[in-house]
Amino acid sequence: MLDTHEAAKVEDFQFPSGSAMLSARLYCPLVNPETVVVLNGATGVPRDYYQHFARWLAAERGMACLTYDYSDFGHSCTGRLKDSKVTMADWALIDMPAARAEMRRRFPDANQWTIGHSVGGMLGPVQRDIDKIDRMICVCSGLVTLSDHPWPYKGLAWMFWRGHVPLLVKALGYLPGKAIGFGADLPGPVYWQWRRWCTAPHSYLPEMGQNLPQARWAESGVPVDLFTSDDDQTVPPKAVWRLADLYGSKAQRHVLSARDFGVREIGHIGAFARRNAAVWPRLIE
């Protein structure tokens, strides 16, 4: 499907990622873009949540933006979720590089940017195609642990990782996100790996060189900006700065405050909300 609206062309299609086909939507300006963006979404946040930001990039900033759903999630889920073997690491090490490969195929001469929201930037340092990225922007991505959360959010997080939720996942074979108010259903292996990292003192760091590749971003020379929101209870600033350390000493650190943009709140996912469009130029400038 291809349509044109507000000086942007929108195309729906699929692209290959390992043995899977991912469902994607591409927003393009009406002129040939000099810069293209792959937008890696947050855990449990479907690609359509980013539609207004992606259309703004295309229509107002002349950048093509690819949004997509990870394997066995959202529009990319085609089978029974309880049968999925996909992990969070698969999203980062297979799907995210595949999305960038698709944009390089379509726009071989353009600058290649990645904007990662939460998990979309969390595993950037261990990905294999770092040298093919011209700029990385991480929004509310961090190495978060249970102890980072303020109360009363910490209680909710404890229930999500230690309370009734893991019992539900064990019984059903997947995370029934819609039923428990999380917002989206997730494959069971994604939940279990996510749980392990979020309840461990050092997140996935001990797994580098074993279950995960070694981090090599710091030696790549690729510029990276990390944005945290000072009202983010899900991934608070100190968790974002831990990830910044992994990206290396040249990583640029930025704090977003709602009052600076005249908005009520930003939180964990609000930076991409249409109501907070005042934040968007700050993310890319």
C-alpha atoms as a PDB file:
ATOM      1  CA  MET A   1       0.000   0.000   0.000  1.00  0.00           C
ATOM      2  CA  LEU A   2       1.275   3.456  -0.900  1.00  0.00           C
ATOM      3  CA  ASP A   3      -0.402   6.733   0.007  1.00  0.00           C
ATOM      4  CA  THR A   4       0.593  10.379   0.160  1.00  0.00           C
ATOM      5  CA  HIS A   5      -0.400  12.752   2.978  1.00  0.00           C
ATOM      6  CA  GLU A   6       1.043  15.974   4.329  1.00  0.00           C
ATOM      7  CA  ALA A   7       4.088  16.022   2.044  1.00  0.00           C
ATOM      8  CA  ALA A   8       5.045  12.438   2.935  1.00  0.00           C
ATOM      9  CA  LYS A   9       4.656   9.134   1.113  1.00  0.00           C
ATOM     10  CA  VAL A  10       3.736   6.090   3.197  1.00  0.00           C
ATOM     11  CA  GLU A  11       4.422   2.533   2.094  1.00  0.00           C
ATOM     12  CA  ASP A  12       3.542  -0.723   3.845  1.00  0.00           C
ATOM     13  CA  PHE A  13       5.666  -3.775   3.055  1.00  0.00           C
ATOM     14  CA  GLN A  14       7.597  -6.682   4.561  1.00  0.00           C
ATOM     15  CA  PHE A  15      11.317  -7.332   4.707  1.00  0.00           C
ATOM     16  CA  PRO A  16      13.289 -10.453   5.662  1.00  0.00           C
ATOM     17  CA  SER A  17      14.950 -10.897   9.057  1.00  0.00           C
ATOM     18  CA  GLY A  18      16.566 -14.292   9.473  1.00  0.00           C
ATOM     19  CA  SER A  19      13.806 -16.808   8.807  1.00  0.00           C
ATOM     20  CA  ALA A  20      11.054 -14.266   9.532  1.00  0.00           C
ATOM     21  CA  MET A  21       9.335 -11.540   7.544  1.00  0.00           C
ATOM     22  CA  LEU A  22       8.806  -8.295   9.434  1.00  0.00           C
ATOM     23  CA  SER A  23       5.913  -5.938   8.876  1.00  0.00           C
ATOM     24  CA  ALA A  24       7.109  -2.408   8.126  1.00  0.00           C
ATOM     25  CA  ARG A  25       5.843   1.055   7.278  1.00  0.00           C
ATOM     26  CA  LEU A  26       8.108   3.527   5.517  1.00  0.00           C
ATOM     27  CA  TYR A  27       7.539   7.289   5.631  1.00  0.00           C
ATOM     28  CA  CYS A  28       9.309   9.170   2.841  1.00  0.00           C
ATOM     29  CA  PRO A  29       9.586  12.835   1.904  1.00  0.00           C
ATOM     30  CA  LEU A  30       8.532  13.845  -1.581  1.00  0.00           C
ATOM     31  CA  VAL A  31      12.183  14.532  -2.461  1.00  0.00           C
ATOM     32  CA  ASN A  32      15.130  12.162  -2.342  1.00  0.00           C
ATOM     33  CA  PRO A  33      16.290  12.045   1.325  1.00  0.00           C
ATOM     34  CA  GLU A  34      19.886  12.745   2.286  1.00  0.00           C
ATOM     35  CA  THR A  35      19.320  11.062   5.671  1.00  0.00           C
ATOM     36  CA  VAL A  36      17.245   7.995   6.481  1.00  0.00           C
ATOM     37  CA  VAL A  37      16.214   6.703   9.891  1.00  0.00           C
ATOM     38  CA  VAL A  38      15.492   3.235  11.243  1.00  0.00           C
ATOM     39  CA  LEU A  39      13.284   3.556  14.309  1.00  0.00           C
ATOM     40  CA  ASN A  40      13.682   0.634  16.715  1.00  0.00           C
ATOM     41  CA  GLY A  41      10.689   0.630  19.034  1.00  0.00           C
ATOM     42  CA  ALA A  42      10.442  -0.032  22.765  1.00  0.00           C
ATOM     43  CA  THR A  43       9.395  -3.381  24.207  1.00  0.00           C
ATOM     44  CA  GLY A  44       5.677  -3.880  23.791  1.00  0.00           C
ATOM     45  CA  VAL A  45       5.226  -0.657  21.801  1.00  0.00           C
ATOM     46  CA  PRO A  46       3.898  -1.311  18.275  1.00  0.00           C
ATOM     47  CA  ARG A  47       5.266   0.453  15.225  1.00  0.00           C
ATOM     48  CA  ASP A  48       2.084   2.525  14.766  1.00  0.00           C
ATOM     49  CA  TYR A  49       2.764   4.392  18.014  1.00  0.00           C
ATOM     50  CA  TYR A  50       5.608   6.169  16.208  1.00  0.00           C
ATOM     51  CA  GLN A  51       3.585   7.164  13.140  1.00  0.00           C
ATOM     52  CA  HIS A  52       3.272  10.864  13.973  1.00  0.00           C
ATOM     53  CA  PHE A  53       6.976  11.261  14.748  1.00  0.00           C
ATOM     54  CA  ALA A  54       7.947   9.328  11.602  1.00  0.00           C
ATOM     55  CA  ARG A  55       5.626  11.390   9.419  1.00  0.00           C
ATOM     56  CA  TRP A  56       7.052  14.580  10.931  1.00  0.00           C
ATOM     57  CA  LEU A  57      10.593  13.445  10.075  1.00  0.00           C
ATOM     58  CA  ALA A  58       9.540  12.874   6.472  1.00  0.00           C
ATOM     59  CA  ALA A  59       7.283  15.884   5.930  1.00  0.00           C
ATOM     60  CA  GLU A  60       9.107  18.498   8.004  1.00  0.00           C
ATOM     61  CA  ARG A  61      12.734  17.349   8.061  1.00  0.00           C
ATOM     62  CA  GLY A  62      13.070  15.547   4.727  1.00  0.00           C
ATOM     63  CA  MET A  63      14.167  12.256   6.329  1.00  0.00           C
ATOM     64  CA  ALA A  64      12.831   8.847   5.366  1.00  0.00           C
ATOM     65  CA  CYS A  65      11.846   6.840   8.454  1.00  0.00           C
ATOM     66  CA  LEU A  66      11.283   3.111   8.710  1.00  0.00           C
ATOM     67  CA  THR A  67       9.014   1.815  11.487  1.00  0.00           C
ATOM     68  CA  TYR A  68       8.468  -1.914  11.977  1.00  0.00           C
ATOM     69  CA  ASP A  69       7.430  -4.597  14.446  1.00  0.00           C
ATOM     70  CA  TYR A  70       9.933  -7.107  15.792  1.00  0.00           C
ATOM     71  CA  SER A  71       9.659 -10.850  15.140  1.00  0.00           C
ATOM     72  CA  ASP A  72       6.526 -12.461  16.618  1.00  0.00           C
ATOM     73  CA  PHE A  73       5.213  -9.104  17.795  1.00  0.00           C
ATOM     74  CA  GLY A  74       2.510  -6.761  16.543  1.00  0.00           C
ATOM     75  CA  HIS A  75       1.895  -6.925  12.799  1.00  0.00           C
ATOM     76  CA  SER A  76       4.896  -9.258  12.432  1.00  0.00           C
ATOM     77  CA  CYS A  77       3.263 -11.980  14.529  1.00  0.00           C
ATOM     78  CA  THR A  78       1.678 -14.561  12.223  1.00  0.00           C
ATOM     79  CA  GLY A  79       1.561 -17.733  14.341  1.00  0.00           C
ATOM     80  CA  ARG A  80       0.564 -18.753  17.850  1.00  0.00           C
ATOM     81  CA  LEU A  81       2.444 -16.594  20.308  1.00  0.00           C
ATOM     82  CA  LYS A  82       2.898 -19.421  22.796  1.00  0.00           C
ATOM     83  CA  ASP A  83       4.905 -21.330  20.171  1.00  0.00           C
ATOM     84  CA  SER A  84       7.408 -18.499  19.651  1.00  0.00           C
ATOM     85  CA  LYS A  85      11.095 -19.135  20.360  1.00  0.00           C
ATOM     86  CA  VAL A  86      12.115 -15.532  19.724  1.00  0.00           C
ATOM     87  CA  THR A  87      14.184 -13.769  22.393  1.00  0.00           C
ATOM     88  CA  MET A  88      14.906 -10.118  23.094  1.00  0.00           C
ATOM     89  CA  ALA A  89      18.468 -10.737  21.895  1.00  0.00           C
ATOM     90  CA  ASP A  90      17.027 -11.932  18.558  1.00  0.00           C
ATOM     91  CA  TRP A  91      15.252  -8.613  18.207  1.00  0.00           C
ATOM     92  CA  ALA A  92      18.520  -6.767  18.779  1.00  0.00           C
ATOM     93  CA  LEU A  93      20.975  -8.990  16.920  1.00  0.00           C
ATOM     94  CA  ILE A  94      18.808 -10.107  13.983  1.00  0.00           C
ATOM     95  CA  ASP A  95      15.828  -7.770  13.491  1.00  0.00           C
ATOM     96  CA  MET A  96      17.494  -4.395  14.081  1.00  0.00           C
ATOM     97  CA  PRO A  97      20.433  -5.059  11.702  1.00  0.00           C
ATOM     98  CA  ALA A  98      17.963  -6.454   9.148  1.00  0.00           C
ATOM     99  CA  ALA A  99      15.953  -3.219   9.270  1.00  0.00           C
ATOM    100  CA  ARG A 100      19.112  -1.198   8.659  1.00  0.00           C
ATOM    101  CA  ALA A 101      20.087  -3.506   5.794  1.00  0.00           C
ATOM    102  CA  GLU A 102      16.699  -2.852   4.198  1.00  0.00           C
ATOM    103  CA  MET A 103      17.216   0.907   4.409  1.00  0.00           C
ATOM    104  CA  ARG A 104      20.723   0.627   2.956  1.00  0.00           C
ATOM    105  CA  ARG A 105      19.266  -1.378   0.078  1.00  0.00           C
ATOM    106  CA  ARG A 106      16.614   1.240  -0.587  1.00  0.00           C
ATOM    107  CA  PHE A 107      18.799   4.309   0.054  1.00  0.00           C
ATOM    108  CA  PRO A 108      22.431   3.287  -0.557  1.00  0.00           C
ATOM    109  CA  ASP A 109      23.738   6.855  -0.806  1.00  0.00           C
ATOM    110  CA  ALA A 110      21.959   8.331   2.220  1.00  0.00           C
ATOM    111  CA  ASN A 111      23.271   8.913   5.728  1.00  0.00           C
ATOM    112  CA  GLN A 112      22.044   6.023   7.871  1.00  0.00           C
ATOM    113  CA  TRP A 113      20.694   6.939  11.317  1.00  0.00           C
ATOM    114  CA  THR A 114      19.198   4.707  13.976  1.00  0.00           C
ATOM    115  CA  ILE A 115      16.820   6.014  16.629  1.00  0.00           C
ATOM    116  CA  GLY A 116      16.375   3.439  19.372  1.00  0.00           C
ATOM    117  CA  HIS A 117      13.632   3.759  21.959  1.00  0.00           C
ATOM    118  CA  SER A 118      14.281   1.803  25.181  1.00  0.00           C
ATOM    119  CA  VAL A 119      15.254  -1.725  24.051  1.00  0.00           C
ATOM    120  CA  GLY A 120      15.733  -0.211  20.600  1.00  0.00           C
ATOM    121  CA  GLY A 121      19.017   1.290  21.804  1.00  0.00           C
ATOM    122  CA  MET A 122      19.795  -0.875  24.818  1.00  0.00           C
ATOM    123  CA  LEU A 123      21.794  -3.495  22.929  1.00  0.00           C
ATOM    124  CA  GLY A 124      23.347  -1.153  20.382  1.00  0.00           C
ATOM    125  CA  PRO A 125      26.885  -1.626  21.752  1.00  0.00           C
ATOM    126  CA  VAL A 126      26.876  -5.368  20.939  1.00  0.00           C
ATOM    127  CA  GLN A 127      25.339  -5.242  17.460  1.00  0.00           C
ATOM    128  CA  ARG A 128      27.312  -6.455  14.463  1.00  0.00           C
ATOM    129  CA  ASP A 129      26.708  -3.673  11.928  1.00  0.00           C
ATOM    130  CA  ILE A 130      27.943  -0.704  13.948  1.00  0.00           C
ATOM    131  CA  ASP A 131      30.308   0.418  11.205  1.00  0.00           C
ATOM    132  CA  LYS A 132      27.351   0.885   8.837  1.00  0.00           C
ATOM    133  CA  ILE A 133      25.592   3.383  11.139  1.00  0.00           C
ATOM    134  CA  ASP A 134      26.320   7.091  10.705  1.00  0.00           C
ATOM    135  CA  ARG A 135      24.570   8.232  13.879  1.00  0.00           C
ATOM    136  CA  MET A 136      22.846   6.551  16.811  1.00  0.00           C
ATOM    137  CA  ILE A 137      20.218   8.246  18.976  1.00  0.00           C
ATOM    138  CA  CYS A 138      18.988   6.426  22.087  1.00  0.00           C
ATOM    139  CA  VAL A 139      15.834   7.646  23.815  1.00  0.00           C
ATOM    140  CA  CYS A 140      15.139   6.352  27.332  1.00  0.00           C
ATOM    141  CA  SER A 141      17.411   3.340  26.774  1.00  0.00           C
ATOM    142  CA  GLY A 142      19.249   2.030  29.789  1.00  0.00           C
ATOM    143  CA  LEU A 143      20.586  -0.869  31.847  1.00  0.00           C
ATOM    144  CA  VAL A 144      17.802  -0.802  34.399  1.00  0.00           C
ATOM    145  CA  THR A 145      17.441  -2.953  37.511  1.00  0.00           C
ATOM    146  CA  LEU A 146      14.672  -3.257  40.083  1.00  0.00           C
ATOM    147  CA  SER A 147      16.564  -1.116  42.564  1.00  0.00           C
ATOM    148  CA  ASP A 148      16.545   1.848  40.144  1.00  0.00           C
ATOM    149  CA  HIS A 149      12.786   2.440  40.246  1.00  0.00           C
ATOM    150  CA  PRO A 150      11.235   4.962  42.644  1.00  0.00           C
ATOM    151  CA  TRP A 151       8.264   4.033  44.828  1.00  0.00           C
ATOM    152  CA  PRO A 152       5.454   3.263  44.192  1.00  0.00           C
ATOM    153  CA  TYR A 153       6.506   2.237  40.676  1.00  0.00           C
ATOM    154  CA  LYS A 154       9.033  -0.178  42.210  1.00  0.00           C
ATOM    155  CA  GLY A 155       6.132  -2.168  43.640  1.00  0.00           C
ATOM    156  CA  LEU A 156       4.535  -2.513  40.232  1.00  0.00           C
ATOM    157  CA  ALA A 157       7.849  -3.595  38.719  1.00  0.00           C
ATOM    158  CA  TRP A 158       8.285  -6.171  41.493  1.00  0.00           C
ATOM    159  CA  MET A 159       4.884  -7.657  40.677  1.00  0.00           C
ATOM    160  CA  PHE A 160       5.772  -7.706  36.978  1.00  0.00           C
ATOM    161  CA  TRP A 161       8.989  -9.648  37.589  1.00  0.00           C
ATOM    162  CA  ARG A 162       8.424 -11.489  40.884  1.00  0.00           C
ATOM    163  CA  GLY A 163       4.673 -11.597  41.487  1.00  0.00           C
ATOM    164  CA  HIS A 164       1.754 -13.002  39.518  1.00  0.00           C
ATOM    165  CA  VAL A 165       3.014 -12.084  36.039  1.00  0.00           C
ATOM    166  CA  PRO A 166       5.732 -14.761  35.721  1.00  0.00           C
ATOM    167  CA  LEU A 167       3.167 -17.321  36.888  1.00  0.00           C
ATOM    168  CA  LEU A 168       0.854 -16.245  34.071  1.00  0.00           C
ATOM    169  CA  VAL A 169       3.651 -16.427  31.511  1.00  0.00           C
ATOM    170  CA  LYS A 170       4.606 -19.906  32.696  1.00  0.00           C
ATOM    171  CA  ALA A 171       0.998 -21.076  32.467  1.00  0.00           C
ATOM    172  CA  LEU A 172       0.169 -19.524  29.092  1.00  0.00           C
ATOM    173  CA  GLY A 173       3.518 -19.687  27.325  1.00  0.00           C
ATOM    174  CA  TYR A 174       3.490 -15.965  26.547  1.00  0.00           C
ATOM    175  CA  LEU A 175       3.038 -12.608  28.266  1.00  0.00           C
ATOM    176  CA  PRO A 176      -0.675 -11.661  28.110  1.00  0.00           C
ATOM    177  CA  GLY A 177       0.096  -7.963  28.053  1.00  0.00           C
ATOM    178  CA  LYS A 178      -3.329  -6.863  26.873  1.00  0.00           C
ATOM    179  CA  ALA A 179      -5.068  -8.740  29.666  1.00  0.00           C
ATOM    180  CA  ILE A 180      -2.887  -7.375  32.483  1.00  0.00           C
ATOM    181  CA  GLY A 181      -2.783  -3.784  31.244  1.00  0.00           C
ATOM    182  CA  PHE A 182       0.771  -3.884  29.915  1.00  0.00           C
ATOM    183  CA  GLY A 183      -0.451  -2.954  26.455  1.00  0.00           C
ATOM    184  CA  ALA A 184       0.782  -5.755  24.205  1.00  0.00           C
ATOM    185  CA  ASP A 185       1.293  -9.495  24.221  1.00  0.00           C
ATOM    186  CA  LEU A 186       4.891 -10.723  24.023  1.00  0.00           C
ATOM    187  CA  PRO A 187       6.587 -14.055  23.294  1.00  0.00           C
ATOM    188  CA  GLY A 188       7.465 -16.007  26.425  1.00  0.00           C
ATOM    189  CA  PRO A 189      11.231 -16.161  25.689  1.00  0.00           C
ATOM    190  CA  VAL A 190      11.279 -12.369  25.254  1.00  0.00           C
ATOM    191  CA  TYR A 191       9.704 -11.923  28.683  1.00  0.00           C
ATOM    192  CA  TRP A 192      12.037 -14.386  30.443  1.00  0.00           C
ATOM    193  CA  GLN A 193      15.199 -12.842  29.008  1.00  0.00           C
ATOM    194  CA  TRP A 194      13.921  -9.342  29.738  1.00  0.00           C
ATOM    195  CA  ARG A 195      13.106 -10.431  33.283  1.00  0.00           C
ATOM    196  CA  ARG A 196      16.581 -11.877  33.806  1.00  0.00           C
ATOM    197  CA  TRP A 197      18.277  -8.692  32.675  1.00  0.00           C
ATOM    198  CA  CYS A 198      16.006  -6.372  34.656  1.00  0.00           C
ATOM    199  CA  THR A 199      16.416  -8.303  37.909  1.00  0.00           C
ATOM    200  CA  ALA A 200      20.186  -8.844  37.633  1.00  0.00           C
ATOM    201  CA  PRO A 201      22.569  -6.346  39.276  1.00  0.00           C
ATOM    202  CA  HIS A 202      24.416  -5.686  36.004  1.00  0.00           C
ATOM    203  CA  SER A 203      21.745  -6.372  33.380  1.00  0.00           C
ATOM    204  CA  TYR A 204      23.172  -8.202  30.357  1.00  0.00           C
ATOM    205  CA  LEU A 205      26.792  -7.143  30.915  1.00  0.00           C
ATOM    206  CA  PRO A 206      27.957 -10.501  32.388  1.00  0.00           C
ATOM    207  CA  GLU A 207      26.643 -12.252  29.253  1.00  0.00           C
ATOM    208  CA  MET A 208      28.841 -10.315  26.836  1.00  0.00           C
ATOM    209  CA  GLY A 209      31.396 -12.626  25.276  1.00  0.00           C
ATOM    210  CA  GLN A 210      29.196 -15.612  26.169  1.00  0.00           C
ATOM    211  CA  ASN A 211      25.514 -15.455  25.153  1.00  0.00           C
ATOM    212  CA  LEU A 212      26.008 -12.004  23.613  1.00  0.00           C
ATOM    213  CA  PRO A 213      28.797 -10.449  21.529  1.00  0.00           C
ATOM    214  CA  GLN A 214      31.339  -8.216  23.192  1.00  0.00           C
ATOM    215  CA  ALA A 215      30.573  -4.488  23.201  1.00  0.00           C
ATOM    216  CA  ARG A 216      32.700  -2.672  20.643  1.00  0.00           C
ATOM    217  CA  TRP A 217      30.915   0.640  20.130  1.00  0.00           C
ATOM    218  CA  ALA A 218      33.552   2.684  21.936  1.00  0.00           C
ATOM    219  CA  GLU A 219      36.167   1.706  19.360  1.00  0.00           C
ATOM    220  CA  SER A 220      33.908   2.298  16.353  1.00  0.00           C
ATOM    221  CA  GLY A 221      33.954   6.107  16.355  1.00  0.00           C
ATOM    222  CA  VAL A 222      30.233   6.247  15.499  1.00  0.00           C
ATOM    223  CA  PRO A 223      28.563   9.208  17.268  1.00  0.00           C
ATOM    224  CA  VAL A 224      25.830   8.385  19.749  1.00  0.00           C
ATOM    225  CA  ASP A 225      23.464  10.596  21.742  1.00  0.00           C
ATOM    226  CA  LEU A 226      21.589   9.251  24.753  1.00  0.00           C
ATOM    227  CA  PHE A 227      18.482  11.045  25.996  1.00  0.00           C
ATOM    228  CA  THR A 228      16.884  10.466  29.375  1.00  0.00           C
ATOM    229  CA  SER A 229      13.700  11.972  30.753  1.00  0.00           C
ATOM    230  CA  ASP A 230      13.923  13.263  34.307  1.00  0.00           C
ATOM    231  CA  ASP A 231      10.409  11.928  34.979  1.00  0.00           C
ATOM    232  CA  ASP A 232      11.014   8.446  33.557  1.00  0.00           C
ATOM    233  CA  GLN A 233      10.211   5.914  36.287  1.00  0.00           C
ATOM    234  CA  THR A 234      10.615   2.906  34.000  1.00  0.00           C
ATOM    235  CA  VAL A 235      14.227   3.579  32.983  1.00  0.00           C
ATOM    236  CA  PRO A 236      15.467   6.356  35.285  1.00  0.00           C
ATOM    237  CA  PRO A 237      18.442   8.551  34.341  1.00  0.00           C
ATOM    238  CA  LYS A 238      21.019   6.567  36.323  1.00  0.00           C
ATOM    239  CA  ALA A 239      20.173   3.467  34.263  1.00  0.00           C
ATOM    240  CA  VAL A 240      20.605   5.465  31.045  1.00  0.00           C
ATOM    241  CA  TRP A 241      24.020   6.708  32.179  1.00  0.00           C
ATOM    242  CA  ARG A 242      25.153   3.112  32.789  1.00  0.00           C
ATOM    243  CA  LEU A 243      24.380   2.379  29.157  1.00  0.00           C
ATOM    244  CA  ALA A 244      26.164   5.570  28.132  1.00  0.00           C
ATOM    245  CA  ASP A 245      29.286   4.221  29.843  1.00  0.00           C
ATOM    246  CA  LEU A 246      29.035   1.095  27.683  1.00  0.00           C
ATOM    247  CA  TYR A 247      28.719   3.181  24.524  1.00  0.00           C
ATOM    248  CA  GLY A 248      31.999   4.847  25.498  1.00  0.00           C
ATOM    249  CA  SER A 249      33.467   8.070  26.800  1.00  0.00           C
ATOM    250  CA  LYS A 250      32.443  10.050  23.697  1.00  0.00           C
ATOM    251  CA  ALA A 251      28.734   9.276  24.113  1.00  0.00           C
ATOM    252  CA  GLN A 252      26.730  12.480  24.457  1.00  0.00           C
ATOM    253  CA  ARG A 253      24.299  12.641  27.401  1.00  0.00           C
ATOM    254  CA  HIS A 254      21.119  14.739  27.398  1.00  0.00           C
ATOM    255  CA  VAL A 255      18.311  15.242  29.921  1.00  0.00           C
ATOM    256  CA  LEU A 256      14.762  16.011  28.797  1.00  0.00           C
ATOM    257  CA  SER A 257      12.550  17.938  31.239  1.00  0.00           C
ATOM    258  CA  ALA A 258       8.866  18.421  30.511  1.00  0.00           C
ATOM    259  CA  ARG A 259       8.917  22.007  31.791  1.00  0.00           C
ATOM    260  CA  ASP A 260      11.535  22.968  29.197  1.00  0.00           C
ATOM    261  CA  PHE A 261       9.107  22.091  26.396  1.00  0.00           C
ATOM    262  CA  GLY A 262       5.905  23.346  27.986  1.00  0.00           C
ATOM    263  CA  VAL A 263       4.402  19.848  28.241  1.00  0.00           C
ATOM    264  CA  ARG A 264       2.858  18.047  31.200  1.00  0.00           C
ATOM    265  CA  GLU A 265       5.093  14.973  31.229  1.00  0.00           C
ATOM    266  CA  ILE A 266       7.453  12.936  29.071  1.00  0.00           C
ATOM    267  CA  GLY A 267       8.053   9.777  31.062  1.00  0.00           C
ATOM    268  CA  HIS A 268       9.275   6.631  29.328  1.00  0.00           C
ATOM    269  CA  ILE A 269       7.329   6.657  26.068  1.00  0.00           C
ATOM    270  CA  GLY A 270       6.063  10.233  25.879  1.00  0.00           C
ATOM    271  CA  ALA A 271       8.959  11.622  23.861  1.00  0.00           C
ATOM    272  CA  PHE A 272       7.339  10.166  20.725  1.00  0.00           C
ATOM    273  CA  ALA A 273       3.746  11.081  21.586  1.00  0.00           C
ATOM    274  CA  ARG A 274       2.002  13.550  19.298  1.00  0.00           C
ATOM    275  CA  ARG A 275       1.103  15.747  22.268  1.00  0.00           C
ATOM    276  CA  ASN A 276       4.827  16.189  22.920  1.00  0.00           C
ATOM    277  CA  ALA A 277       5.841  17.187  19.403  1.00  0.00           C
ATOM    278  CA  ALA A 278       7.770  20.114  20.906  1.00  0.00           C
ATOM    279  CA  VAL A 279      10.359  17.556  22.040  1.00  0.00           C
ATOM    280  CA  TRP A 280      11.037  16.126  18.581  1.00  0.00           C
ATOM    281  CA  PRO A 281      13.486  18.709  17.214  1.00  0.00           C
ATOM    282  CA  ARG A 282      15.638  18.253  20.311  1.00  0.00           C
ATOM    283  CA  LEU A 283      16.063  14.553  19.578  1.00  0.00           C
ATOM    284  CA  ILE A 284      17.606  15.020  16.151  1.00  0.00           C
ATOM    285  CA  GLU A 285      19.441  18.339  16.336  1.00  0.00           C
END
